[in-house]
Amino acid sequence: MSCLLRIAGRTLDVDAYLARPAGLSPIAVFRRGEPRFRLTDPKGQRHQRSGLNVVVSERDVDDFAGQVKDARRFLSAKAAAIRALVRRKGVETASLDFGID
């Protein structure tokens, strides 16, 4: 994925959100205290926050302009769902993460 919406917070209850998702489909969910690399290093680093990642654009990493176009479209189409999620108790950060080459 070349662009992701990342939402996280120390006290965010991702399970409560997932029980009643509001129009966003996460591709990754993580919980505070769980191993960051549960398969390769289960006793290693732990997540400091809970959160989720949602695909915004699947364009190639060398198509930044296309990623921006997709991000604008995504933010417009999903504005209400994003607003509802970032207003949830425990959300501390919401960011777009562009993968570029």
PDB file of N, CA and C in Angstrom:
ATOM      1  N   MET A   1       0.842  -1.167   0.000  1.00  0.00           N
ATOM      2  CA  MET A   1       0.000   0.000   0.000  1.00  0.00           C
ATOM      3  C   MET A   1       0.893   1.238   0.000  1.00  0.00           C
ATOM      4  N   SER A   2       0.572   2.176  -0.836  1.00  0.00           N
ATOM      5  CA  SER A   2       1.430   3.346  -0.921  1.00  0.00           C
ATOM      6  C   SER A   2       0.960   4.502  -0.046  1.00  0.00           C
ATOM      7  N   CYS A   3      -0.301   4.542   0.340  1.00  0.00           N
ATOM      8  CA  CYS A   3      -0.782   5.585   1.247  1.00  0.00           C
ATOM      9  C   CYS A   3      -1.762   4.964   2.228  1.00  0.00           C
ATOM     10  N   LEU A   4      -1.499   5.204   3.508  1.00  0.00           N
ATOM     11  CA  LEU A   4      -2.340   4.664   4.573  1.00  0.00           C
ATOM     12  C   LEU A   4      -2.842   5.776   5.471  1.00  0.00           C
ATOM     13  N   LEU A   5      -4.049   5.607   5.991  1.00  0.00           N
ATOM     14  CA  LEU A   5      -4.554   6.429   7.075  1.00  0.00           C
ATOM     15  C   LEU A   5      -4.224   5.666   8.350  1.00  0.00           C
ATOM     16  N   ARG A   6      -3.487   6.301   9.254  1.00  0.00           N
ATOM     17  CA  ARG A   6      -3.087   5.668  10.512  1.00  0.00           C
ATOM     18  C   ARG A   6      -3.756   6.406  11.666  1.00  0.00           C
ATOM     19  N   ILE A   7      -4.467   5.658  12.507  1.00  0.00           N
ATOM     20  CA  ILE A   7      -5.171   6.202  13.669  1.00  0.00           C
ATOM     21  C   ILE A   7      -4.643   5.462  14.892  1.00  0.00           C
ATOM     22  N   ALA A   8      -4.315   6.193  15.968  1.00  0.00           N
ATOM     23  CA  ALA A   8      -3.781   5.519  17.152  1.00  0.00           C
ATOM     24  C   ALA A   8      -3.977   6.358  18.410  1.00  0.00           C
ATOM     25  N   GLY A   9      -3.882   5.676  19.544  1.00  0.00           N
ATOM     26  CA  GLY A   9      -3.942   6.344  20.844  1.00  0.00           C
ATOM     27  C   GLY A   9      -3.689   5.348  21.959  1.00  0.00           C
ATOM     28  N   ARG A  10      -3.118   5.831  23.050  1.00  0.00           N
ATOM     29  CA  ARG A  10      -2.779   4.954  24.179  1.00  0.00           C
ATOM     30  C   ARG A  10      -4.016   4.278  24.772  1.00  0.00           C
ATOM     31  N   THR A  11      -5.134   4.973  24.814  1.00  0.00           N
ATOM     32  CA  THR A  11      -6.333   4.397  25.438  1.00  0.00           C
ATOM     33  C   THR A  11      -7.441   4.100  24.432  1.00  0.00           C
ATOM     34  N   LEU A  12      -7.128   4.139  23.149  1.00  0.00           N
ATOM     35  CA  LEU A  12      -8.122   3.851  22.117  1.00  0.00           C
ATOM     36  C   LEU A  12      -8.586   2.406  22.214  1.00  0.00           C
ATOM     37  N   ASP A  13      -9.890   2.204  22.250  1.00  0.00           N
ATOM     38  CA  ASP A  13     -10.467   0.857  22.299  1.00  0.00           C
ATOM     39  C   ASP A  13     -10.807   0.431  20.867  1.00  0.00           C
ATOM     40  N   VAL A  14      -9.832  -0.170  20.189  1.00  0.00           N
ATOM     41  CA  VAL A  14     -10.050  -0.565  18.791  1.00  0.00           C
ATOM     42  C   VAL A  14     -11.094  -1.663  18.672  1.00  0.00           C
ATOM     43  N   ASP A  15     -11.202  -2.510  19.679  1.00  0.00           N
ATOM     44  CA  ASP A  15     -12.192  -3.586  19.618  1.00  0.00           C
ATOM     45  C   ASP A  15     -13.615  -3.033  19.634  1.00  0.00           C
ATOM     46  N   ALA A  16     -13.843  -1.970  20.387  1.00  0.00           N
ATOM     47  CA  ALA A  16     -15.164  -1.334  20.389  1.00  0.00           C
ATOM     48  C   ALA A  16     -15.466  -0.753  19.010  1.00  0.00           C
ATOM     49  N   TYR A  17     -14.462  -0.148  18.378  1.00  0.00           N
ATOM     50  CA  TYR A  17     -14.666   0.384  17.030  1.00  0.00           C
ATOM     51  C   TYR A  17     -14.964  -0.746  16.045  1.00  0.00           C
ATOM     52  N   LEU A  18     -14.184  -1.813  16.122  1.00  0.00           N
ATOM     53  CA  LEU A  18     -14.365  -2.925  15.187  1.00  0.00           C
ATOM     54  C   LEU A  18     -15.714  -3.620  15.364  1.00  0.00           C
ATOM     55  N   ALA A  19     -16.284  -3.556  16.554  1.00  0.00           N
ATOM     56  CA  ALA A  19     -17.591  -4.168  16.800  1.00  0.00           C
ATOM     57  C   ALA A  19     -18.681  -3.453  16.006  1.00  0.00           C
ATOM     58  N   ARG A  20     -18.471  -2.166  15.730  1.00  0.00           N
ATOM     59  CA  ARG A  20     -19.442  -1.385  14.965  1.00  0.00           C
ATOM     60  C   ARG A  20     -18.715  -0.462  14.005  1.00  0.00           C
ATOM     61  N   PRO A  21     -18.014  -1.024  13.005  1.00  0.00           N
ATOM     62  CA  PRO A  21     -17.244  -0.181  12.086  1.00  0.00           C
ATOM     63  C   PRO A  21     -18.149   0.809  11.359  1.00  0.00           C
ATOM     64  N   ALA A  22     -17.612   1.970  11.109  1.00  0.00           N
ATOM     65  CA  ALA A  22     -18.414   3.041  10.515  1.00  0.00           C
ATOM     66  C   ALA A  22     -17.895   3.434   9.135  1.00  0.00           C
ATOM     67  N   GLY A  23     -17.764   2.476   8.245  1.00  0.00           N
ATOM     68  CA  GLY A  23     -17.402   2.812   6.877  1.00  0.00           C
ATOM     69  C   GLY A  23     -15.936   2.741   6.529  1.00  0.00           C
ATOM     70  N   LEU A  24     -15.075   2.388   7.485  1.00  0.00           N
ATOM     71  CA  LEU A  24     -13.652   2.238   7.203  1.00  0.00           C
ATOM     72  C   LEU A  24     -13.265   0.792   7.462  1.00  0.00           C
ATOM     73  N   SER A  25     -12.501   0.221   6.552  1.00  0.00           N
ATOM     74  CA  SER A  25     -12.087  -1.177   6.683  1.00  0.00           C
ATOM     75  C   SER A  25     -10.582  -1.249   6.923  1.00  0.00           C
ATOM     76  N   PRO A  26     -10.181  -1.489   8.160  1.00  0.00           N
ATOM     77  CA  PRO A  26      -8.744  -1.533   8.449  1.00  0.00           C
ATOM     78  C   PRO A  26      -8.067  -2.754   7.836  1.00  0.00           C
ATOM     79  N   ILE A  27      -6.815  -2.558   7.409  1.00  0.00           N
ATOM     80  CA  ILE A  27      -6.015  -3.686   6.935  1.00  0.00           C
ATOM     81  C   ILE A  27      -5.093  -4.179   8.036  1.00  0.00           C
ATOM     82  N   ALA A  28      -4.931  -3.370   9.086  1.00  0.00           N
ATOM     83  CA  ALA A  28      -4.100  -3.760  10.222  1.00  0.00           C
ATOM     84  C   ALA A  28      -4.695  -3.153  11.486  1.00  0.00           C
ATOM     85  N   VAL A  29      -4.671  -3.947  12.548  1.00  0.00           N
ATOM     86  CA  VAL A  29      -5.149  -3.508  13.855  1.00  0.00           C
ATOM     87  C   VAL A  29      -4.080  -3.898  14.862  1.00  0.00           C
ATOM     88  N   PHE A  30      -3.781  -3.004  15.779  1.00  0.00           N
ATOM     89  CA  PHE A  30      -2.795  -3.313  16.813  1.00  0.00           C
ATOM     90  C   PHE A  30      -3.300  -2.787  18.147  1.00  0.00           C
ATOM     91  N   ARG A  31      -2.880  -3.469  19.205  1.00  0.00           N
ATOM     92  CA  ARG A  31      -3.341  -3.140  20.549  1.00  0.00           C
ATOM     93  C   ARG A  31      -2.164  -2.882  21.470  1.00  0.00           C
ATOM     94  N   ARG A  32      -2.317  -1.881  22.305  1.00  0.00           N
ATOM     95  CA  ARG A  32      -1.283  -1.536  23.281  1.00  0.00           C
ATOM     96  C   ARG A  32      -0.926  -2.771  24.113  1.00  0.00           C
ATOM     97  N   GLY A  33       0.371  -3.018  24.243  1.00  0.00           N
ATOM     98  CA  GLY A  33       0.852  -4.142  25.037  1.00  0.00           C
ATOM     99  C   GLY A  33       1.116  -5.401  24.239  1.00  0.00           C
ATOM    100  N   GLU A  34       0.555  -5.495  23.039  1.00  0.00           N
ATOM    101  CA  GLU A  34       0.821  -6.662  22.198  1.00  0.00           C
ATOM    102  C   GLU A  34       2.211  -6.560  21.579  1.00  0.00           C
ATOM    103  N   PRO A  35       2.816  -7.706  21.248  1.00  0.00           N
ATOM    104  CA  PRO A  35       4.126  -7.677  20.574  1.00  0.00           C
ATOM    105  C   PRO A  35       4.017  -6.971  19.224  1.00  0.00           C
ATOM    106  N   ARG A  36       4.984  -6.126  18.911  1.00  0.00           N
ATOM    107  CA  ARG A  36       5.004  -5.447  17.611  1.00  0.00           C
ATOM    108  C   ARG A  36       5.258  -6.443  16.494  1.00  0.00           C
ATOM    109  N   PHE A  37       6.099  -7.423  16.752  1.00  0.00           N
ATOM    110  CA  PHE A  37       6.439  -8.437  15.750  1.00  0.00           C
ATOM    111  C   PHE A  37       6.107  -9.804  16.340  1.00  0.00           C
ATOM    112  N   ARG A  38       4.824 -10.104  16.414  1.00  0.00           N
ATOM    113  CA  ARG A  38       4.381 -11.296  17.155  1.00  0.00           C
ATOM    114  C   ARG A  38       4.870 -12.606  16.556  1.00  0.00           C
ATOM    115  N   LEU A  39       5.143 -12.647  15.272  1.00  0.00           N
ATOM    116  CA  LEU A  39       5.607 -13.890  14.656  1.00  0.00           C
ATOM    117  C   LEU A  39       7.116 -14.061  14.759  1.00  0.00           C
ATOM    118  N   THR A  40       7.849 -12.985  14.571  1.00  0.00           N
ATOM    119  CA  THR A  40       9.313 -13.098  14.532  1.00  0.00           C
ATOM    120  C   THR A  40       9.998 -12.767  15.856  1.00  0.00           C
ATOM    121  N   ASP A  41       9.323 -12.005  16.719  1.00  0.00           N
ATOM    122  CA  ASP A  41       9.933 -11.621  17.996  1.00  0.00           C
ATOM    123  C   ASP A  41       8.838 -11.417  19.058  1.00  0.00           C
ATOM    124  N   PRO A  42       8.133 -12.488  19.416  1.00  0.00           N
ATOM    125  CA  PRO A  42       6.985 -12.355  20.321  1.00  0.00           C
ATOM    126  C   PRO A  42       7.330 -11.843  21.717  1.00  0.00           C
ATOM    127  N   LYS A  43       8.578 -11.926  22.111  1.00  0.00           N
ATOM    128  CA  LYS A  43       8.967 -11.432  23.435  1.00  0.00           C
ATOM    129  C   LYS A  43       9.655 -10.070  23.352  1.00  0.00           C
ATOM    130  N   GLY A  44       9.670  -9.494  22.169  1.00  0.00           N
ATOM    131  CA  GLY A  44      10.363  -8.229  21.943  1.00  0.00           C
ATOM    132  C   GLY A  44       9.504  -7.018  22.237  1.00  0.00           C
ATOM    133  N   GLN A  45       9.711  -5.970  21.464  1.00  0.00           N
ATOM    134  CA  GLN A  45       9.020  -4.693  21.644  1.00  0.00           C
ATOM    135  C   GLN A  45       7.511  -4.866  21.671  1.00  0.00           C
ATOM    136  N   ARG A  46       6.869  -4.011  22.454  1.00  0.00           N
ATOM    137  CA  ARG A  46       5.405  -4.012  22.583  1.00  0.00           C
ATOM    138  C   ARG A  46       4.849  -2.711  22.007  1.00  0.00           C
ATOM    139  N   HIS A  47       3.642  -2.788  21.485  1.00  0.00           N
ATOM    140  CA  HIS A  47       2.978  -1.574  21.012  1.00  0.00           C
ATOM    141  C   HIS A  47       2.731  -0.656  22.198  1.00  0.00           C
ATOM    142  N   GLN A  48       3.033   0.608  22.018  1.00  0.00           N
ATOM    143  CA  GLN A  48       2.793   1.617  23.053  1.00  0.00           C
ATOM    144  C   GLN A  48       1.391   2.214  22.943  1.00  0.00           C
ATOM    145  N   ARG A  49       0.758   2.023  21.784  1.00  0.00           N
ATOM    146  CA  ARG A  49      -0.584   2.550  21.539  1.00  0.00           C
ATOM    147  C   ARG A  49      -1.407   1.505  20.807  1.00  0.00           C
ATOM    148  N   SER A  50      -2.702   1.678  20.824  1.00  0.00           N
ATOM    149  CA  SER A  50      -3.615   0.855  20.034  1.00  0.00           C
ATOM    150  C   SER A  50      -4.007   1.649  18.799  1.00  0.00           C
ATOM    151  N   GLY A  51      -4.354   0.952  17.736  1.00  0.00           N
ATOM    152  CA  GLY A  51      -4.757   1.679  16.548  1.00  0.00           C
ATOM    153  C   GLY A  51      -5.074   0.790  15.374  1.00  0.00           C
ATOM    154  N   LEU A  52      -5.218   1.446  14.225  1.00  0.00           N
ATOM    155  CA  LEU A  52      -5.541   0.731  12.991  1.00  0.00           C
ATOM    156  C   LEU A  52      -5.029   1.515  11.797  1.00  0.00           C
ATOM    157  N   ASN A  53      -4.868   0.786  10.702  1.00  0.00           N
ATOM    158  CA  ASN A  53      -4.421   1.362   9.425  1.00  0.00           C
ATOM    159  C   ASN A  53      -5.458   1.045   8.357  1.00  0.00           C
ATOM    160  N   VAL A  54      -5.739   2.027   7.512  1.00  0.00           N
ATOM    161  CA  VAL A  54      -6.717   1.884   6.433  1.00  0.00           C
ATOM    162  C   VAL A  54      -6.042   2.282   5.123  1.00  0.00           C
ATOM    163  N   VAL A  55      -6.239   1.492   4.081  1.00  0.00           N
ATOM    164  CA  VAL A  55      -5.668   1.815   2.763  1.00  0.00           C
ATOM    165  C   VAL A  55      -6.378   3.026   2.173  1.00  0.00           C
ATOM    166  N   VAL A  56      -5.578   3.995   1.741  1.00  0.00           N
ATOM    167  CA  VAL A  56      -6.083   5.200   1.095  1.00  0.00           C
ATOM    168  C   VAL A  56      -5.785   5.140  -0.406  1.00  0.00           C
ATOM    169  N   SER A  57      -4.602   4.667  -0.765  1.00  0.00           N
ATOM    170  CA  SER A  57      -4.209   4.557  -2.168  1.00  0.00           C
ATOM    171  C   SER A  57      -3.309   3.340  -2.361  1.00  0.00           C
ATOM    172  N   GLU A  58      -3.509   2.669  -3.478  1.00  0.00           N
ATOM    173  CA  GLU A  58      -2.665   1.525  -3.823  1.00  0.00           C
ATOM    174  C   GLU A  58      -1.782   1.830  -5.030  1.00  0.00           C
ATOM    175  N   ARG A  59      -1.619   3.106  -5.313  1.00  0.00           N
ATOM    176  CA  ARG A  59      -0.760   3.494  -6.445  1.00  0.00           C
ATOM    177  C   ARG A  59       0.686   3.145  -6.140  1.00  0.00           C
ATOM    178  N   ASP A  60       1.483   3.055  -7.193  1.00  0.00           N
ATOM    179  CA  ASP A  60       2.907   2.766  -7.030  1.00  0.00           C
ATOM    180  C   ASP A  60       3.596   3.878  -6.244  1.00  0.00           C
ATOM    181  N   VAL A  61       4.691   3.515  -5.585  1.00  0.00           N
ATOM    182  CA  VAL A  61       5.445   4.483  -4.787  1.00  0.00           C
ATOM    183  C   VAL A  61       6.072   5.588  -5.637  1.00  0.00           C
ATOM    184  N   ASP A  62       6.144   5.390  -6.941  1.00  0.00           N
ATOM    185  CA  ASP A  62       6.683   6.439  -7.810  1.00  0.00           C
ATOM    186  C   ASP A  62       5.581   7.315  -8.423  1.00  0.00           C
ATOM    187  N   ASP A  63       4.347   7.150  -7.951  1.00  0.00           N
ATOM    188  CA  ASP A  63       3.215   7.946  -8.442  1.00  0.00           C
ATOM    189  C   ASP A  63       2.630   8.778  -7.299  1.00  0.00           C
ATOM    190  N   PHE A  64       3.433   9.709  -6.787  1.00  0.00           N
ATOM    191  CA  PHE A  64       2.987  10.531  -5.665  1.00  0.00           C
ATOM    192  C   PHE A  64       1.768  11.366  -6.035  1.00  0.00           C
ATOM    193  N   ALA A  65       1.764  11.941  -7.227  1.00  0.00           N
ATOM    194  CA  ALA A  65       0.619  12.760  -7.661  1.00  0.00           C
ATOM    195  C   ALA A  65      -0.667  11.926  -7.652  1.00  0.00           C
ATOM    196  N   GLY A  66      -0.565  10.683  -8.094  1.00  0.00           N
ATOM    197  CA  GLY A  66      -1.726   9.796  -8.079  1.00  0.00           C
ATOM    198  C   GLY A  66      -2.169   9.462  -6.667  1.00  0.00           C
ATOM    199  N   GLN A  67      -1.202   9.282  -5.766  1.00  0.00           N
ATOM    200  CA  GLN A  67      -1.532   9.013  -4.367  1.00  0.00           C
ATOM    201  C   GLN A  67      -2.285  10.198  -3.757  1.00  0.00           C
ATOM    202  N   VAL A  68      -1.816  11.404  -4.062  1.00  0.00           N
ATOM    203  CA  VAL A  68      -2.472  12.607  -3.547  1.00  0.00           C
ATOM    204  C   VAL A  68      -3.890  12.706  -4.088  1.00  0.00           C
ATOM    205  N   LYS A  69      -4.059  12.414  -5.370  1.00  0.00           N
ATOM    206  CA  LYS A  69      -5.392  12.437  -5.987  1.00  0.00           C
ATOM    207  C   LYS A  69      -6.308  11.423  -5.291  1.00  0.00           C
ATOM    208  N   ASP A  70      -5.803  10.210  -5.070  1.00  0.00           N
ATOM    209  CA  ASP A  70      -6.583   9.185  -4.376  1.00  0.00           C
ATOM    210  C   ASP A  70      -6.904   9.613  -2.947  1.00  0.00           C
ATOM    211  N   ALA A  71      -5.928  10.230  -2.275  1.00  0.00           N
ATOM    212  CA  ALA A  71      -6.133  10.658  -0.887  1.00  0.00           C
ATOM    213  C   ALA A  71      -7.226  11.722  -0.811  1.00  0.00           C
ATOM    214  N   ARG A  72      -7.210  12.663  -1.716  1.00  0.00           N
ATOM    215  CA  ARG A  72      -8.262  13.688  -1.732  1.00  0.00           C
ATOM    216  C   ARG A  72      -9.629  13.061  -1.933  1.00  0.00           C
ATOM    217  N   ARG A  73      -9.698  12.127  -2.868  1.00  0.00           N
ATOM    218  CA  ARG A  73     -10.961  11.442  -3.160  1.00  0.00           C
ATOM    219  C   ARG A  73     -11.424  10.642  -1.929  1.00  0.00           C
ATOM    220  N   PHE A  74     -10.493   9.921  -1.309  1.00  0.00           N
ATOM    221  CA  PHE A  74     -10.798   9.110  -0.124  1.00  0.00           C
ATOM    222  C   PHE A  74     -11.289  10.001   1.018  1.00  0.00           C
ATOM    223  N   LEU A  75     -10.561  11.084   1.289  1.00  0.00           N
ATOM    224  CA  LEU A  75     -10.940  11.973   2.391  1.00  0.00           C
ATOM    225  C   LEU A  75     -12.310  12.595   2.162  1.00  0.00           C
ATOM    226  N   SER A  76     -12.609  12.919   0.928  1.00  0.00           N
ATOM    227  CA  SER A  76     -13.920  13.483   0.603  1.00  0.00           C
ATOM    228  C   SER A  76     -15.024  12.436   0.767  1.00  0.00           C
ATOM    229  N   ALA A  77     -14.792  11.251   0.221  1.00  0.00           N
ATOM    230  CA  ALA A  77     -15.806  10.196   0.258  1.00  0.00           C
ATOM    231  C   ALA A  77     -16.036   9.640   1.664  1.00  0.00           C
ATOM    232  N   LYS A  78     -14.998   9.619   2.473  1.00  0.00           N
ATOM    233  CA  LYS A  78     -15.075   9.005   3.806  1.00  0.00           C
ATOM    234  C   LYS A  78     -15.037  10.027   4.938  1.00  0.00           C
ATOM    235  N   ALA A  79     -15.299  11.292   4.632  1.00  0.00           N
ATOM    236  CA  ALA A  79     -15.161  12.365   5.625  1.00  0.00           C
ATOM    237  C   ALA A  79     -15.956  12.089   6.905  1.00  0.00           C
ATOM    238  N   ALA A  80     -17.194  11.687   6.791  1.00  0.00           N
ATOM    239  CA  ALA A  80     -18.022  11.465   7.982  1.00  0.00           C
ATOM    240  C   ALA A  80     -17.469  10.314   8.827  1.00  0.00           C
ATOM    241  N   ALA A  81     -17.064   9.231   8.176  1.00  0.00           N
ATOM    242  CA  ALA A  81     -16.516   8.078   8.909  1.00  0.00           C
ATOM    243  C   ALA A  81     -15.197   8.430   9.587  1.00  0.00           C
ATOM    244  N   ILE A  82     -14.355   9.199   8.898  1.00  0.00           N
ATOM    245  CA  ILE A  82     -13.069   9.608   9.481  1.00  0.00           C
ATOM    246  C   ILE A  82     -13.315  10.535  10.664  1.00  0.00           C
ATOM    247  N   ARG A  83     -14.207  11.503  10.496  1.00  0.00           N
ATOM    248  CA  ARG A  83     -14.528  12.429  11.580  1.00  0.00           C
ATOM    249  C   ARG A  83     -15.021  11.672  12.805  1.00  0.00           C
ATOM    250  N   ALA A  84     -15.916  10.722  12.593  1.00  0.00           N
ATOM    251  CA  ALA A  84     -16.450   9.945  13.719  1.00  0.00           C
ATOM    252  C   ALA A  84     -15.352   9.154  14.413  1.00  0.00           C
ATOM    253  N   LEU A  85     -14.440   8.583  13.647  1.00  0.00           N
ATOM    254  CA  LEU A  85     -13.369   7.796  14.240  1.00  0.00           C
ATOM    255  C   LEU A  85     -12.392   8.675  15.018  1.00  0.00           C
ATOM    256  N   VAL A  86     -11.968   9.788  14.449  1.00  0.00           N
ATOM    257  CA  VAL A  86     -10.974  10.610  15.141  1.00  0.00           C
ATOM    258  C   VAL A  86     -11.557  11.322  16.359  1.00  0.00           C
ATOM    259  N   ARG A  87     -12.860  11.396  16.453  1.00  0.00           N
ATOM    260  CA  ARG A  87     -13.507  11.989  17.637  1.00  0.00           C
ATOM    261  C   ARG A  87     -13.710  10.977  18.763  1.00  0.00           C
ATOM    262  N   ARG A  88     -13.427   9.712  18.487  1.00  0.00           N
ATOM    263  CA  ARG A  88     -13.602   8.681  19.518  1.00  0.00           C
ATOM    264  C   ARG A  88     -12.657   8.932  20.680  1.00  0.00           C
ATOM    265  N   LYS A  89     -13.130   8.560  21.850  1.00  0.00           N
ATOM    266  CA  LYS A  89     -12.303   8.665  23.040  1.00  0.00           C
ATOM    267  C   LYS A  89     -11.024   7.847  22.840  1.00  0.00           C
ATOM    268  N   GLY A  90      -9.911   8.429  23.173  1.00  0.00           N
ATOM    269  CA  GLY A  90      -8.641   7.726  23.106  1.00  0.00           C
ATOM    270  C   GLY A  90      -7.817   7.980  21.863  1.00  0.00           C
ATOM    271  N   VAL A  91      -8.413   8.551  20.815  1.00  0.00           N
ATOM    272  CA  VAL A  91      -7.639   8.833  19.602  1.00  0.00           C
ATOM    273  C   VAL A  91      -6.713  10.015  19.875  1.00  0.00           C
ATOM    274  N   GLU A  92      -5.427   9.797  19.636  1.00  0.00           N
ATOM    275  CA  GLU A  92      -4.424  10.842  19.830  1.00  0.00           C
ATOM    276  C   GLU A  92      -3.806  11.304  18.515  1.00  0.00           C
ATOM    277  N   THR A  93      -3.712  10.402  17.544  1.00  0.00           N
ATOM    278  CA  THR A  93      -3.109  10.763  16.267  1.00  0.00           C
ATOM    279  C   THR A  93      -3.915  10.206  15.110  1.00  0.00           C
ATOM    280  N   ALA A  94      -3.935  10.970  14.042  1.00  0.00           N
ATOM    281  CA  ALA A  94      -4.528  10.546  12.771  1.00  0.00           C
ATOM    282  C   ALA A  94      -3.645  11.160  11.695  1.00  0.00           C
ATOM    283  N   SER A  95      -3.097  10.318  10.848  1.00  0.00           N
ATOM    284  CA  SER A  95      -2.174  10.826   9.831  1.00  0.00           C
ATOM    285  C   SER A  95      -2.270  10.032   8.541  1.00  0.00           C
ATOM    286  N   LEU A  96      -1.878  10.682   7.468  1.00  0.00           N
ATOM    287  CA  LEU A  96      -1.724   9.999   6.186  1.00  0.00           C
ATOM    288  C   LEU A  96      -0.250   9.685   6.032  1.00  0.00           C
ATOM    289  N   ASP A  97       0.048   8.451   5.685  1.00  0.00           N
ATOM    290  CA  ASP A  97       1.417   7.989   5.515  1.00  0.00           C
ATOM    291  C   ASP A  97       1.603   7.632   4.035  1.00  0.00           C
ATOM    292  N   PHE A  98       2.331   8.504   3.311  1.00  0.00           N
ATOM    293  CA  PHE A  98       2.565   8.289   1.881  1.00  0.00           C
ATOM    294  C   PHE A  98       3.872   7.535   1.704  1.00  0.00           C
ATOM    295  N   GLY A  99       3.810   6.453   0.954  1.00  0.00           N
ATOM    296  CA  GLY A  99       5.027   5.729   0.592  1.00  0.00           C
ATOM    297  C   GLY A  99       5.522   6.263  -0.742  1.00  0.00           C
ATOM    298  N   ILE A 100       6.689   6.870  -0.759  1.00  0.00           N
ATOM    299  CA  ILE A 100       7.198   7.447  -2.001  1.00  0.00           C
ATOM    300  C   ILE A 100       8.626   6.963  -2.261  1.00  0.00           C
ATOM    301  N   ASP A 101       8.978   6.971  -3.529  1.00  0.00           N
ATOM    302  CA  ASP A 101      10.310   6.558  -3.937  1.00  0.00           C
ATOM    303  C   ASP A 101      10.995   7.715  -4.599  1.00  0.00           C
TER     304      ASP A 101
END
